[in-house]
Amino acid sequence: MRRFLRFAACLLLISVAVSGCDAIKGLFNPFTGKWRAGMLELEFENDRTFKFVIGSTISVNLGGEYSYDDKTLVLKFDKGSEVNFSYEFSGDKKTLTLVPETDFDYIKTRLDFTKE
């Protein structure tokens, strides 16, 4: 049993060393997943890309890369525009509140997204 635990620990250390810090950081990324607020849907991936969908039958699909710090979420769209949001998570991390800090045609006010 002890030999198995040592082997498992060594295997875990080797896999962490090979995959690098980005894999570990992705495990603790609070944004990762699909979020919905009415007809708006945001999906954040571990590789720091996102998809933004407006509508269901007739929809607008946007995408790009995102970054965040303790206070600000930055969405960099493929078309070159960049939008900053202040954000806040609920205590259980199932609600994400976004407030646009820069002009954004699709979101003009505070929105509460629910994790799916």
C-alpha atoms as a PDB file:
ATOM      1  CA  MET A   1       0.000   0.000   0.000  1.00  0.00           C
ATOM      2  CA  ARG A   2       2.795   2.366   0.911  1.00  0.00           C
ATOM      3  CA  ARG A   3       4.567   1.651  -2.354  1.00  0.00           C
ATOM      4  CA  PHE A   4       1.378   2.489  -4.283  1.00  0.00           C
ATOM      5  CA  LEU A   5       0.995   5.841  -2.461  1.00  0.00           C
ATOM      6  CA  ARG A   6       4.603   6.777  -3.228  1.00  0.00           C
ATOM      7  CA  PHE A   7       4.103   5.840  -6.866  1.00  0.00           C
ATOM      8  CA  ALA A   8       0.879   7.899  -7.060  1.00  0.00           C
ATOM      9  CA  ALA A   9       2.588  10.905  -5.449  1.00  0.00           C
ATOM     10  CA  CYS A  10       5.533  10.680  -7.874  1.00  0.00           C
ATOM     11  CA  LEU A  11       3.165  10.340 -10.816  1.00  0.00           C
ATOM     12  CA  LEU A  12       1.235  13.410  -9.660  1.00  0.00           C
ATOM     13  CA  LEU A  13       4.421  15.477  -9.289  1.00  0.00           C
ATOM     14  CA  ILE A  14       5.672  14.451 -12.713  1.00  0.00           C
ATOM     15  CA  SER A  15       2.360  15.295 -14.385  1.00  0.00           C
ATOM     16  CA  VAL A  16       2.279  18.729 -12.712  1.00  0.00           C
ATOM     17  CA  ALA A  17       5.855  19.428 -13.780  1.00  0.00           C
ATOM     18  CA  VAL A  18       5.158  18.384 -17.363  1.00  0.00           C
ATOM     19  CA  SER A  19       1.867  20.256 -17.721  1.00  0.00           C
ATOM     20  CA  GLY A  20       3.177  23.491 -16.236  1.00  0.00           C
ATOM     21  CA  CYS A  21       1.580  26.154 -14.090  1.00  0.00           C
ATOM     22  CA  ASP A  22      -1.179  27.046 -16.582  1.00  0.00           C
ATOM     23  CA  ALA A  23      -2.864  23.696 -15.992  1.00  0.00           C
ATOM     24  CA  ILE A  24      -2.899  24.290 -12.246  1.00  0.00           C
ATOM     25  CA  LYS A  25      -4.112  27.844 -12.697  1.00  0.00           C
ATOM     26  CA  GLY A  26      -6.946  26.586 -14.900  1.00  0.00           C
ATOM     27  CA  LEU A  27      -8.211  24.378 -12.107  1.00  0.00           C
ATOM     28  CA  PHE A  28      -8.764  27.431  -9.910  1.00  0.00           C
ATOM     29  CA  ASN A  29     -10.158  29.757 -12.593  1.00  0.00           C
ATOM     30  CA  PRO A  30     -13.532  30.924 -11.214  1.00  0.00           C
ATOM     31  CA  PHE A  31     -14.790  31.997 -14.652  1.00  0.00           C
ATOM     32  CA  THR A  32     -14.420  28.624 -16.409  1.00  0.00           C
ATOM     33  CA  GLY A  33     -17.733  27.252 -17.612  1.00  0.00           C
ATOM     34  CA  LYS A  34     -20.973  28.407 -19.191  1.00  0.00           C
ATOM     35  CA  TRP A  35     -22.848  31.407 -17.765  1.00  0.00           C
ATOM     36  CA  ARG A  36     -26.336  32.639 -18.736  1.00  0.00           C
ATOM     37  CA  ALA A  37     -28.252  35.885 -18.173  1.00  0.00           C
ATOM     38  CA  GLY A  38     -31.553  35.820 -20.071  1.00  0.00           C
ATOM     39  CA  MET A  39     -30.713  35.774 -23.799  1.00  0.00           C
ATOM     40  CA  LEU A  40     -26.972  36.282 -23.152  1.00  0.00           C
ATOM     41  CA  GLU A  41     -24.556  33.402 -22.799  1.00  0.00           C
ATOM     42  CA  LEU A  42     -20.852  33.585 -21.911  1.00  0.00           C
ATOM     43  CA  GLU A  43     -18.632  30.521 -22.021  1.00  0.00           C
ATOM     44  CA  PHE A  44     -15.123  30.753 -20.596  1.00  0.00           C
ATOM     45  CA  GLU A  45     -12.528  28.089 -21.419  1.00  0.00           C
ATOM     46  CA  ASN A  46      -9.398  27.172 -19.414  1.00  0.00           C
ATOM     47  CA  ASP A  47      -7.189  28.326 -22.300  1.00  0.00           C
ATOM     48  CA  ARG A  48      -8.356  31.936 -21.684  1.00  0.00           C
ATOM     49  CA  THR A  49     -10.715  32.056 -24.680  1.00  0.00           C
ATOM     50  CA  PHE A  50     -14.401  32.871 -24.510  1.00  0.00           C
ATOM     51  CA  LYS A  51     -17.588  32.723 -26.578  1.00  0.00           C
ATOM     52  CA  PHE A  52     -20.304  35.354 -26.235  1.00  0.00           C
ATOM     53  CA  VAL A  53     -23.727  34.496 -27.697  1.00  0.00           C
ATOM     54  CA  ILE A  54     -26.690  36.864 -27.847  1.00  0.00           C
ATOM     55  CA  GLY A  55     -30.099  35.402 -28.683  1.00  0.00           C
ATOM     56  CA  SER A  56     -31.177  31.876 -29.505  1.00  0.00           C
ATOM     57  CA  THR A  57     -33.037  31.536 -32.819  1.00  0.00           C
ATOM     58  CA  ILE A  58     -31.312  34.468 -34.473  1.00  0.00           C
ATOM     59  CA  SER A  59     -28.072  35.004 -32.624  1.00  0.00           C
ATOM     60  CA  VAL A  60     -24.886  37.037 -32.607  1.00  0.00           C
ATOM     61  CA  ASN A  61     -21.782  34.962 -31.891  1.00  0.00           C
ATOM     62  CA  LEU A  62     -18.614  36.699 -30.719  1.00  0.00           C
ATOM     63  CA  GLY A  63     -15.387  35.330 -29.322  1.00  0.00           C
ATOM     64  CA  GLY A  64     -11.898  36.208 -28.234  1.00  0.00           C
ATOM     65  CA  GLU A  65      -9.570  36.031 -25.272  1.00  0.00           C
ATOM     66  CA  TYR A  66     -10.063  37.099 -21.687  1.00  0.00           C
ATOM     67  CA  SER A  67      -7.937  38.068 -18.720  1.00  0.00           C
ATOM     68  CA  TYR A  68      -8.748  39.061 -15.174  1.00  0.00           C
ATOM     69  CA  ASP A  69      -7.312  40.345 -11.935  1.00  0.00           C
ATOM     70  CA  ASP A  70      -8.866  40.891  -8.503  1.00  0.00           C
ATOM     71  CA  LYS A  71     -11.293  43.568  -9.724  1.00  0.00           C
ATOM     72  CA  THR A  72     -11.480  43.612 -13.519  1.00  0.00           C
ATOM     73  CA  LEU A  73     -12.427  41.173 -16.282  1.00  0.00           C
ATOM     74  CA  VAL A  74     -11.121  42.145 -19.746  1.00  0.00           C
ATOM     75  CA  LEU A  75     -12.720  40.673 -22.879  1.00  0.00           C
ATOM     76  CA  LYS A  76     -10.595  41.093 -26.023  1.00  0.00           C
ATOM     77  CA  PHE A  77     -12.789  40.346 -29.028  1.00  0.00           C
ATOM     78  CA  ASP A  78     -11.444  38.817 -32.235  1.00  0.00           C
ATOM     79  CA  LYS A  79     -12.399  42.020 -34.088  1.00  0.00           C
ATOM     80  CA  GLY A  80      -9.917  43.993 -31.987  1.00  0.00           C
ATOM     81  CA  SER A  81     -12.190  45.750 -29.504  1.00  0.00           C
ATOM     82  CA  GLU A  82     -11.620  45.388 -25.784  1.00  0.00           C
ATOM     83  CA  VAL A  83     -14.178  45.739 -22.995  1.00  0.00           C
ATOM     84  CA  ASN A  84     -13.492  46.020 -19.267  1.00  0.00           C
ATOM     85  CA  PHE A  85     -15.950  44.846 -16.624  1.00  0.00           C
ATOM     86  CA  SER A  86     -15.862  45.023 -12.875  1.00  0.00           C
ATOM     87  CA  TYR A  87     -17.061  41.702 -11.510  1.00  0.00           C
ATOM     88  CA  GLU A  88     -18.248  39.994  -8.369  1.00  0.00           C
ATOM     89  CA  PHE A  89     -19.055  36.371  -7.559  1.00  0.00           C
ATOM     90  CA  SER A  90     -21.712  35.227  -5.117  1.00  0.00           C
ATOM     91  CA  GLY A  91     -20.525  33.314  -2.063  1.00  0.00           C
ATOM     92  CA  ASP A  92     -21.240  29.943  -3.687  1.00  0.00           C
ATOM     93  CA  LYS A  93     -19.596  31.024  -7.012  1.00  0.00           C
ATOM     94  CA  LYS A  94     -22.797  30.241  -8.961  1.00  0.00           C
ATOM     95  CA  THR A  95     -23.678  33.870  -9.774  1.00  0.00           C
ATOM     96  CA  LEU A  96     -21.367  36.258 -11.628  1.00  0.00           C
ATOM     97  CA  THR A  97     -22.233  39.963 -11.681  1.00  0.00           C
ATOM     98  CA  LEU A  98     -20.685  42.014 -14.497  1.00  0.00           C
ATOM     99  CA  VAL A  99     -20.763  45.810 -14.680  1.00  0.00           C
ATOM    100  CA  PRO A 100     -19.342  47.361 -17.891  1.00  0.00           C
ATOM    101  CA  GLU A 101     -16.541  49.872 -17.261  1.00  0.00           C
ATOM    102  CA  THR A 102     -16.144  50.806 -20.950  1.00  0.00           C
ATOM    103  CA  ASP A 103     -18.720  51.306 -23.709  1.00  0.00           C
ATOM    104  CA  PHE A 104     -20.108  48.014 -24.962  1.00  0.00           C
ATOM    105  CA  ASP A 105     -23.015  47.877 -27.410  1.00  0.00           C
ATOM    106  CA  TYR A 106     -24.424  44.601 -26.060  1.00  0.00           C
ATOM    107  CA  ILE A 107     -24.288  45.202 -22.304  1.00  0.00           C
ATOM    108  CA  LYS A 108     -25.131  48.666 -20.995  1.00  0.00           C
ATOM    109  CA  THR A 109     -26.004  47.824 -17.406  1.00  0.00           C
ATOM    110  CA  ARG A 110     -25.210  45.447 -14.575  1.00  0.00           C
ATOM    111  CA  LEU A 111     -25.972  41.793 -15.377  1.00  0.00           C
ATOM    112  CA  ASP A 112     -26.196  38.754 -13.149  1.00  0.00           C
ATOM    113  CA  PHE A 113     -25.069  35.569 -14.899  1.00  0.00           C
ATOM    114  CA  THR A 114     -25.914  32.147 -13.472  1.00  0.00           C
ATOM    115  CA  LYS A 115     -23.555  29.224 -13.929  1.00  0.00           C
ATOM    116  CA  GLU A 116     -25.030  26.314 -15.871  1.00  0.00           C
END
